[in-house]
Amino acid sequence: MTTLHALVLPLAVKGPDPADVKPGWLGFVMFLALAVATVLLWLSFRKQLKKIDFEEEPDQPRTKPGAGPRSGPRSGPRENHGGAGAS
């Protein structure tokens, strides 16, 4: 085990020469590719969001304060609107 440490430790401490490390054209091309992919994903996401069509249920007026649907024991079966466990 000490032989392995003796071989690997100098490599980990030394590191690459800063003159050899530069982004170059490959780094620039990869940055541009990531930017283009991000813009395309954003445009696709906007398109998919525009396809969503939902109708919002209007608020029902209450006749007296506290007479909402949750103010007392349930009188009938509970409605399931596609939540967890919907069948």
PDB file of N, CA and C in Angstrom:
ATOM      1  N   MET A   1       0.814  -1.185   0.000  1.00  0.00           N
ATOM      2  CA  MET A   1       0.000   0.000   0.000  1.00  0.00           C
ATOM      3  C   MET A   1       0.863   1.257   0.000  1.00  0.00           C
ATOM      4  N   THR A   2       1.973   1.220   0.683  1.00  0.00           N
ATOM      5  CA  THR A   2       2.842   2.393   0.719  1.00  0.00           C
ATOM      6  C   THR A   2       3.500   2.632  -0.628  1.00  0.00           C
ATOM      7  N   THR A   3       3.716   1.572  -1.390  1.00  0.00           N
ATOM      8  CA  THR A   3       4.291   1.723  -2.724  1.00  0.00           C
ATOM      9  C   THR A   3       3.320   2.466  -3.631  1.00  0.00           C
ATOM     10  N   LEU A   4       2.044   2.150  -3.508  1.00  0.00           N
ATOM     11  CA  LEU A   4       1.020   2.834  -4.292  1.00  0.00           C
ATOM     12  C   LEU A   4       0.968   4.315  -3.931  1.00  0.00           C
ATOM     13  N   HIS A   5       1.026   4.606  -2.638  1.00  0.00           N
ATOM     14  CA  HIS A   5       1.031   6.009  -2.206  1.00  0.00           C
ATOM     15  C   HIS A   5       2.274   6.729  -2.712  1.00  0.00           C
ATOM     16  N   ALA A   6       3.389   6.053  -2.731  1.00  0.00           N
ATOM     17  CA  ALA A   6       4.631   6.667  -3.189  1.00  0.00           C
ATOM     18  C   ALA A   6       4.576   6.979  -4.680  1.00  0.00           C
ATOM     19  N   LEU A   7       3.821   6.181  -5.438  1.00  0.00           N
ATOM     20  CA  LEU A   7       3.724   6.426  -6.874  1.00  0.00           C
ATOM     21  C   LEU A   7       2.654   7.457  -7.229  1.00  0.00           C
ATOM     22  N   VAL A   8       1.541   7.450  -6.512  1.00  0.00           N
ATOM     23  CA  VAL A   8       0.404   8.291  -6.855  1.00  0.00           C
ATOM     24  C   VAL A   8       0.510   9.688  -6.239  1.00  0.00           C
ATOM     25  N   LEU A   9       1.035   9.796  -5.038  1.00  0.00           N
ATOM     26  CA  LEU A   9       1.084  11.072  -4.340  1.00  0.00           C
ATOM     27  C   LEU A   9       1.841  12.155  -5.110  1.00  0.00           C
ATOM     28  N   PRO A  10       3.000  11.874  -5.683  1.00  0.00           N
ATOM     29  CA  PRO A  10       3.676  12.939  -6.451  1.00  0.00           C
ATOM     30  C   PRO A  10       2.858  13.407  -7.664  1.00  0.00           C
ATOM     31  N   LEU A  11       2.082  12.515  -8.268  1.00  0.00           N
ATOM     32  CA  LEU A  11       1.257  12.913  -9.408  1.00  0.00           C
ATOM     33  C   LEU A  11       0.129  13.836  -8.966  1.00  0.00           C
ATOM     34  N   ALA A  12      -0.452  13.575  -7.802  1.00  0.00           N
ATOM     35  CA  ALA A  12      -1.547  14.381  -7.305  1.00  0.00           C
ATOM     36  C   ALA A  12      -1.065  15.749  -6.835  1.00  0.00           C
ATOM     37  N   VAL A  13       0.100  15.822  -6.259  1.00  0.00           N
ATOM     38  CA  VAL A  13       0.623  17.079  -5.741  1.00  0.00           C
ATOM     39  C   VAL A  13       1.136  17.955  -6.880  1.00  0.00           C
ATOM     40  N   LYS A  14       1.745  17.358  -7.878  1.00  0.00           N
ATOM     41  CA  LYS A  14       2.400  18.120  -8.939  1.00  0.00           C
ATOM     42  C   LYS A  14       1.388  18.882  -9.790  1.00  0.00           C
ATOM     43  N   GLY A  15       0.460  18.231 -10.431  1.00  0.00           N
ATOM     44  CA  GLY A  15      -0.521  18.902 -11.267  1.00  0.00           C
ATOM     45  C   GLY A  15       0.064  19.295 -12.619  1.00  0.00           C
ATOM     46  N   PRO A  16      -0.786  19.735 -13.538  1.00  0.00           N
ATOM     47  CA  PRO A  16      -0.306  20.094 -14.880  1.00  0.00           C
ATOM     48  C   PRO A  16       0.353  21.474 -14.877  1.00  0.00           C
ATOM     49  N   ASP A  17       1.172  21.697 -15.874  1.00  0.00           N
ATOM     50  CA  ASP A  17       1.844  22.984 -16.058  1.00  0.00           C
ATOM     51  C   ASP A  17       0.820  24.012 -16.542  1.00  0.00           C
ATOM     52  N   PRO A  18       0.705  25.181 -15.913  1.00  0.00           N
ATOM     53  CA  PRO A  18      -0.282  26.180 -16.332  1.00  0.00           C
ATOM     54  C   PRO A  18      -0.112  26.643 -17.783  1.00  0.00           C
ATOM     55  N   ALA A  19       1.078  26.539 -18.336  1.00  0.00           N
ATOM     56  CA  ALA A  19       1.288  26.935 -19.729  1.00  0.00           C
ATOM     57  C   ALA A  19       0.655  25.931 -20.695  1.00  0.00           C
ATOM     58  N   ASP A  20       0.517  24.679 -20.241  1.00  0.00           N
ATOM     59  CA  ASP A  20      -0.077  23.651 -21.095  1.00  0.00           C
ATOM     60  C   ASP A  20      -1.598  23.632 -21.031  1.00  0.00           C
ATOM     61  N   VAL A  21      -2.163  24.238 -20.022  1.00  0.00           N
ATOM     62  CA  VAL A  21      -3.613  24.186 -19.827  1.00  0.00           C
ATOM     63  C   VAL A  21      -4.230  25.459 -20.392  1.00  0.00           C
ATOM     64  N   LYS A  22      -4.990  25.292 -21.465  1.00  0.00           N
ATOM     65  CA  LYS A  22      -5.707  26.427 -22.057  1.00  0.00           C
ATOM     66  C   LYS A  22      -6.953  25.880 -22.740  1.00  0.00           C
ATOM     67  N   PRO A  23      -8.018  26.663 -22.783  1.00  0.00           N
ATOM     68  CA  PRO A  23      -9.256  26.152 -23.355  1.00  0.00           C
ATOM     69  C   PRO A  23      -9.156  25.911 -24.859  1.00  0.00           C
ATOM     70  N   GLY A  24      -8.564  26.809 -25.582  1.00  0.00           N
ATOM     71  CA  GLY A  24      -8.405  26.622 -27.019  1.00  0.00           C
ATOM     72  C   GLY A  24      -9.736  26.619 -27.751  1.00  0.00           C
ATOM     73  N   TRP A  25      -9.694  26.138 -28.985  1.00  0.00           N
ATOM     74  CA  TRP A  25     -10.900  26.124 -29.823  1.00  0.00           C
ATOM     75  C   TRP A  25     -11.911  25.092 -29.362  1.00  0.00           C
ATOM     76  N   LEU A  26     -11.441  23.993 -28.843  1.00  0.00           N
ATOM     77  CA  LEU A  26     -12.361  22.958 -28.381  1.00  0.00           C
ATOM     78  C   LEU A  26     -13.222  23.474 -27.223  1.00  0.00           C
ATOM     79  N   GLY A  27     -12.634  24.186 -26.294  1.00  0.00           N
ATOM     80  CA  GLY A  27     -13.393  24.757 -25.189  1.00  0.00           C
ATOM     81  C   GLY A  27     -14.402  25.786 -25.672  1.00  0.00           C
ATOM     82  N   PHE A  28     -14.001  26.588 -26.642  1.00  0.00           N
ATOM     83  CA  PHE A  28     -14.908  27.603 -27.196  1.00  0.00           C
ATOM     84  C   PHE A  28     -16.084  26.946 -27.919  1.00  0.00           C
ATOM     85  N   VAL A  29     -15.827  25.910 -28.696  1.00  0.00           N
ATOM     86  CA  VAL A  29     -16.879  25.209 -29.426  1.00  0.00           C
ATOM     87  C   VAL A  29     -17.835  24.522 -28.442  1.00  0.00           C
ATOM     88  N   MET A  30     -17.304  23.925 -27.393  1.00  0.00           N
ATOM     89  CA  MET A  30     -18.164  23.271 -26.401  1.00  0.00           C
ATOM     90  C   MET A  30     -19.034  24.299 -25.682  1.00  0.00           C
ATOM     91  N   PHE A  31     -18.481  25.481 -25.383  1.00  0.00           N
ATOM     92  CA  PHE A  31     -19.263  26.533 -24.748  1.00  0.00           C
ATOM     93  C   PHE A  31     -20.393  26.982 -25.668  1.00  0.00           C
ATOM     94  N   LEU A  32     -20.099  27.172 -26.947  1.00  0.00           N
ATOM     95  CA  LEU A  32     -21.139  27.568 -27.897  1.00  0.00           C
ATOM     96  C   LEU A  32     -22.200  26.480 -28.044  1.00  0.00           C
ATOM     97  N   ALA A  33     -21.784  25.215 -28.070  1.00  0.00           N
ATOM     98  CA  ALA A  33     -22.740  24.116 -28.198  1.00  0.00           C
ATOM     99  C   ALA A  33     -23.666  24.071 -26.983  1.00  0.00           C
ATOM    100  N   LEU A  34     -23.142  24.283 -25.803  1.00  0.00           N
ATOM    101  CA  LEU A  34     -23.984  24.306 -24.601  1.00  0.00           C
ATOM    102  C   LEU A  34     -24.945  25.493 -24.624  1.00  0.00           C
ATOM    103  N   ALA A  35     -24.486  26.640 -25.100  1.00  0.00           N
ATOM    104  CA  ALA A  35     -25.355  27.812 -25.182  1.00  0.00           C
ATOM    105  C   ALA A  35     -26.485  27.576 -26.182  1.00  0.00           C
ATOM    106  N   VAL A  36     -26.179  27.001 -27.341  1.00  0.00           N
ATOM    107  CA  VAL A  36     -27.201  26.721 -28.350  1.00  0.00           C
ATOM    108  C   VAL A  36     -28.191  25.687 -27.828  1.00  0.00           C
ATOM    109  N   ALA A  37     -27.709  24.655 -27.165  1.00  0.00           N
ATOM    110  CA  ALA A  37     -28.600  23.633 -26.608  1.00  0.00           C
ATOM    111  C   ALA A  37     -29.522  24.234 -25.553  1.00  0.00           C
ATOM    112  N   THR A  38     -29.005  25.147 -24.747  1.00  0.00           N
ATOM    113  CA  THR A  38     -29.827  25.788 -23.726  1.00  0.00           C
ATOM    114  C   THR A  38     -30.931  26.624 -24.361  1.00  0.00           C
ATOM    115  N   VAL A  39     -30.595  27.375 -25.399  1.00  0.00           N
ATOM    116  CA  VAL A  39     -31.602  28.199 -26.075  1.00  0.00           C
ATOM    117  C   VAL A  39     -32.656  27.318 -26.738  1.00  0.00           C
ATOM    118  N   LEU A  40     -32.247  26.230 -27.373  1.00  0.00           N
ATOM    119  CA  LEU A  40     -33.212  25.337 -28.016  1.00  0.00           C
ATOM    120  C   LEU A  40     -34.134  24.676 -26.994  1.00  0.00           C
ATOM    121  N   LEU A  41     -33.591  24.275 -25.859  1.00  0.00           N
ATOM    122  CA  LEU A  41     -34.429  23.703 -24.807  1.00  0.00           C
ATOM    123  C   LEU A  41     -35.412  24.735 -24.261  1.00  0.00           C
ATOM    124  N   TRP A  42     -34.971  25.973 -24.117  1.00  0.00           N
ATOM    125  CA  TRP A  42     -35.847  27.033 -23.622  1.00  0.00           C
ATOM    126  C   TRP A  42     -36.989  27.297 -24.604  1.00  0.00           C
ATOM    127  N   LEU A  43     -36.675  27.338 -25.896  1.00  0.00           N
ATOM    128  CA  LEU A  43     -37.717  27.557 -26.900  1.00  0.00           C
ATOM    129  C   LEU A  43     -38.722  26.400 -26.921  1.00  0.00           C
ATOM    130  N   SER A  44     -38.230  25.186 -26.812  1.00  0.00           N
ATOM    131  CA  SER A  44     -39.112  24.028 -26.793  1.00  0.00           C
ATOM    132  C   SER A  44     -40.002  24.048 -25.552  1.00  0.00           C
ATOM    133  N   PHE A  45     -39.436  24.436 -24.430  1.00  0.00           N
ATOM    134  CA  PHE A  45     -40.212  24.506 -23.188  1.00  0.00           C
ATOM    135  C   PHE A  45     -41.325  25.546 -23.310  1.00  0.00           C
ATOM    136  N   ARG A  46     -41.021  26.693 -23.900  1.00  0.00           N
ATOM    137  CA  ARG A  46     -42.055  27.723 -24.091  1.00  0.00           C
ATOM    138  C   ARG A  46     -43.162  27.212 -24.994  1.00  0.00           C
ATOM    139  N   LYS A  47     -42.786  26.488 -26.037  1.00  0.00           N
ATOM    140  CA  LYS A  47     -43.773  25.939 -26.970  1.00  0.00           C
ATOM    141  C   LYS A  47     -44.692  24.934 -26.260  1.00  0.00           C
ATOM    142  N   GLN A  48     -44.116  24.082 -25.429  1.00  0.00           N
ATOM    143  CA  GLN A  48     -44.908  23.092 -24.716  1.00  0.00           C
ATOM    144  C   GLN A  48     -45.830  23.749 -23.692  1.00  0.00           C
ATOM    145  N   LEU A  49     -45.370  24.813 -23.050  1.00  0.00           N
ATOM    146  CA  LEU A  49     -46.215  25.509 -22.076  1.00  0.00           C
ATOM    147  C   LEU A  49     -47.398  26.191 -22.751  1.00  0.00           C
ATOM    148  N   LYS A  50     -47.210  26.663 -23.980  1.00  0.00           N
ATOM    149  CA  LYS A  50     -48.310  27.313 -24.694  1.00  0.00           C
ATOM    150  C   LYS A  50     -49.386  26.305 -25.084  1.00  0.00           C
ATOM    151  N   LYS A  51     -49.046  25.025 -25.191  1.00  0.00           N
ATOM    152  CA  LYS A  51     -50.007  23.993 -25.558  1.00  0.00           C
ATOM    153  C   LYS A  51     -50.945  23.639 -24.407  1.00  0.00           C
ATOM    154  N   ILE A  52     -50.556  23.962 -23.188  1.00  0.00           N
ATOM    155  CA  ILE A  52     -51.368  23.602 -22.025  1.00  0.00           C
ATOM    156  C   ILE A  52     -52.633  24.435 -22.036  1.00  0.00           C
ATOM    157  N   ASP A  53     -53.782  23.754 -21.968  1.00  0.00           N
ATOM    158  CA  ASP A  53     -55.073  24.421 -21.941  1.00  0.00           C
ATOM    159  C   ASP A  53     -55.841  23.911 -20.730  1.00  0.00           C
ATOM    160  N   PHE A  54     -56.106  24.779 -19.802  1.00  0.00           N
ATOM    161  CA  PHE A  54     -56.870  24.371 -18.638  1.00  0.00           C
ATOM    162  C   PHE A  54     -57.909  25.440 -18.332  1.00  0.00           C
ATOM    163  N   GLU A  55     -58.991  24.980 -17.761  1.00  0.00           N
ATOM    164  CA  GLU A  55     -60.045  25.898 -17.368  1.00  0.00           C
ATOM    165  C   GLU A  55     -60.037  26.013 -15.853  1.00  0.00           C
ATOM    166  N   GLU A  56     -59.968  27.229 -15.399  1.00  0.00           N
ATOM    167  CA  GLU A  56     -59.958  27.467 -13.972  1.00  0.00           C
ATOM    168  C   GLU A  56     -61.389  27.522 -13.482  1.00  0.00           C
ATOM    169  N   GLU A  57     -61.677  26.793 -12.405  1.00  0.00           N
ATOM    170  CA  GLU A  57     -63.030  26.782 -11.857  1.00  0.00           C
ATOM    171  C   GLU A  57     -63.313  28.117 -11.189  1.00  0.00           C
ATOM    172  N   PRO A  58     -64.466  28.718 -11.467  1.00  0.00           N
ATOM    173  CA  PRO A  58     -64.771  30.004 -10.830  1.00  0.00           C
ATOM    174  C   PRO A  58     -65.045  29.819  -9.341  1.00  0.00           C
ATOM    175  N   ASP A  59     -64.751  30.852  -8.591  1.00  0.00           N
ATOM    176  CA  ASP A  59     -65.022  30.818  -7.155  1.00  0.00           C
ATOM    177  C   ASP A  59     -66.527  30.859  -6.928  1.00  0.00           C
ATOM    178  N   GLN A  60     -67.000  29.998  -6.038  1.00  0.00           N
ATOM    179  CA  GLN A  60     -68.428  29.983  -5.724  1.00  0.00           C
ATOM    180  C   GLN A  60     -68.693  30.980  -4.601  1.00  0.00           C
ATOM    181  N   PRO A  61     -69.703  31.838  -4.769  1.00  0.00           N
ATOM    182  CA  PRO A  61     -69.989  32.807  -3.711  1.00  0.00           C
ATOM    183  C   PRO A  61     -70.524  32.095  -2.463  1.00  0.00           C
ATOM    184  N   ARG A  62     -70.130  32.570  -1.323  1.00  0.00           N
ATOM    185  CA  ARG A  62     -70.572  31.979  -0.056  1.00  0.00           C
ATOM    186  C   ARG A  62     -71.734  32.802   0.481  1.00  0.00           C
ATOM    187  N   THR A  63     -72.720  32.119   1.005  1.00  0.00           N
ATOM    188  CA  THR A  63     -73.901  32.812   1.508  1.00  0.00           C
ATOM    189  C   THR A  63     -73.652  33.414   2.883  1.00  0.00           C
ATOM    190  N   LYS A  64     -72.921  32.725   3.729  1.00  0.00           N
ATOM    191  CA  LYS A  64     -72.600  33.267   5.044  1.00  0.00           C
ATOM    192  C   LYS A  64     -71.156  32.908   5.377  1.00  0.00           C
ATOM    193  N   PRO A  65     -70.515  33.697   6.202  1.00  0.00           N
ATOM    194  CA  PRO A  65     -69.109  33.437   6.534  1.00  0.00           C
ATOM    195  C   PRO A  65     -68.941  32.075   7.195  1.00  0.00           C
ATOM    196  N   GLY A  66     -67.922  31.351   6.774  1.00  0.00           N
ATOM    197  CA  GLY A  66     -67.632  30.052   7.364  1.00  0.00           C
ATOM    198  C   GLY A  66     -68.468  28.925   6.802  1.00  0.00           C
ATOM    199  N   ALA A  67     -69.254  29.168   5.774  1.00  0.00           N
ATOM    200  CA  ALA A  67     -70.104  28.118   5.215  1.00  0.00           C
ATOM    201  C   ALA A  67     -69.463  27.520   3.976  1.00  0.00           C
ATOM    202  N   GLY A  68     -68.160  27.317   4.008  1.00  0.00           N
ATOM    203  CA  GLY A  68     -67.461  26.759   2.862  1.00  0.00           C
ATOM    204  C   GLY A  68     -67.535  25.253   2.854  1.00  0.00           C
ATOM    205  N   PRO A  69     -66.939  24.630   1.872  1.00  0.00           N
ATOM    206  CA  PRO A  69     -67.005  23.173   1.755  1.00  0.00           C
ATOM    207  C   PRO A  69     -66.240  22.448   2.858  1.00  0.00           C
ATOM    208  N   ARG A  70     -65.352  23.104   3.570  1.00  0.00           N
ATOM    209  CA  ARG A  70     -64.568  22.430   4.604  1.00  0.00           C
ATOM    210  C   ARG A  70     -65.062  22.773   6.001  1.00  0.00           C
ATOM    211  N   SER A  71     -66.228  23.341   6.146  1.00  0.00           N
ATOM    212  CA  SER A  71     -66.660  23.779   7.467  1.00  0.00           C
ATOM    213  C   SER A  71     -67.657  22.809   8.081  1.00  0.00           C
ATOM    214  N   GLY A  72     -67.322  21.622   8.266  1.00  0.00           N
ATOM    215  CA  GLY A  72     -68.241  20.693   8.901  1.00  0.00           C
ATOM    216  C   GLY A  72     -67.969  19.290   8.421  1.00  0.00           C
ATOM    217  N   PRO A  73     -68.725  18.342   8.948  1.00  0.00           N
ATOM    218  CA  PRO A  73     -68.503  16.955   8.529  1.00  0.00           C
ATOM    219  C   PRO A  73     -68.886  16.762   7.069  1.00  0.00           C
ATOM    220  N   ARG A  74     -68.226  15.816   6.456  1.00  0.00           N
ATOM    221  CA  ARG A  74     -68.519  15.528   5.053  1.00  0.00           C
ATOM    222  C   ARG A  74     -69.885  14.888   4.939  1.00  0.00           C
ATOM    223  N   SER A  75     -70.636  15.335   3.949  1.00  0.00           N
ATOM    224  CA  SER A  75     -71.975  14.785   3.791  1.00  0.00           C
ATOM    225  C   SER A  75     -72.056  13.777   2.658  1.00  0.00           C
ATOM    226  N   GLY A  76     -71.079  13.764   1.771  1.00  0.00           N
ATOM    227  CA  GLY A  76     -71.145  12.854   0.641  1.00  0.00           C
ATOM    228  C   GLY A  76     -69.779  12.293   0.326  1.00  0.00           C
ATOM    229  N   PRO A  77     -69.696  11.524  -0.756  1.00  0.00           N
ATOM    230  CA  PRO A  77     -68.392  10.969  -1.134  1.00  0.00           C
ATOM    231  C   PRO A  77     -67.449  12.074  -1.586  1.00  0.00           C
ATOM    232  N   ARG A  78     -66.214  11.867  -1.316  1.00  0.00           N
ATOM    233  CA  ARG A  78     -65.197  12.845  -1.678  1.00  0.00           C
ATOM    234  C   ARG A  78     -64.882  12.722  -3.160  1.00  0.00           C
ATOM    235  N   GLU A  79     -64.738  13.856  -3.833  1.00  0.00           N
ATOM    236  CA  GLU A  79     -64.420  13.845  -5.262  1.00  0.00           C
ATOM    237  C   GLU A  79     -62.922  13.747  -5.434  1.00  0.00           C
ATOM    238  N   ASN A  80     -62.513  12.977  -6.414  1.00  0.00           N
ATOM    239  CA  ASN A  80     -61.102  12.831  -6.715  1.00  0.00           C
ATOM    240  C   ASN A  80     -60.857  13.486  -8.070  1.00  0.00           C
ATOM    241  N   HIS A  81     -59.969  14.478  -8.083  1.00  0.00           N
ATOM    242  CA  HIS A  81     -59.694  15.220  -9.317  1.00  0.00           C
ATOM    243  C   HIS A  81     -58.356  14.830  -9.924  1.00  0.00           C
ATOM    244  N   GLY A  82     -58.021  13.576  -9.972  1.00  0.00           N
ATOM    245  CA  GLY A  82     -56.801  13.133 -10.641  1.00  0.00           C
ATOM    246  C   GLY A  82     -55.566  13.211  -9.775  1.00  0.00           C
ATOM    247  N   GLY A  83     -55.696  13.264  -8.495  1.00  0.00           N
ATOM    248  CA  GLY A  83     -54.539  13.303  -7.609  1.00  0.00           C
ATOM    249  C   GLY A  83     -53.943  11.921  -7.440  1.00  0.00           C
ATOM    250  N   ALA A  84     -53.170  11.750  -6.412  1.00  0.00           N
ATOM    251  CA  ALA A  84     -52.539  10.459  -6.153  1.00  0.00           C
ATOM    252  C   ALA A  84     -53.623   9.422  -5.843  1.00  0.00           C
ATOM    253  N   GLY A  85     -53.495   8.282  -6.429  1.00  0.00           N
ATOM    254  CA  GLY A  85     -54.453   7.204  -6.190  1.00  0.00           C
ATOM    255  C   GLY A  85     -55.691   7.287  -7.056  1.00  0.00           C
ATOM    256  N   ALA A  86     -55.666   8.137  -8.076  1.00  0.00           N
ATOM    257  CA  ALA A  86     -56.840   8.235  -8.950  1.00  0.00           C
ATOM    258  C   ALA A  86     -56.924   6.995  -9.824  1.00  0.00           C
ATOM    259  N   SER A  87     -58.106   6.504 -10.024  1.00  0.00           N
ATOM    260  CA  SER A  87     -58.255   5.320 -10.865  1.00  0.00           C
ATOM    261  C   SER A  87     -59.245   5.548 -11.965  1.00  0.00           C
TER     262      SER A  87
END
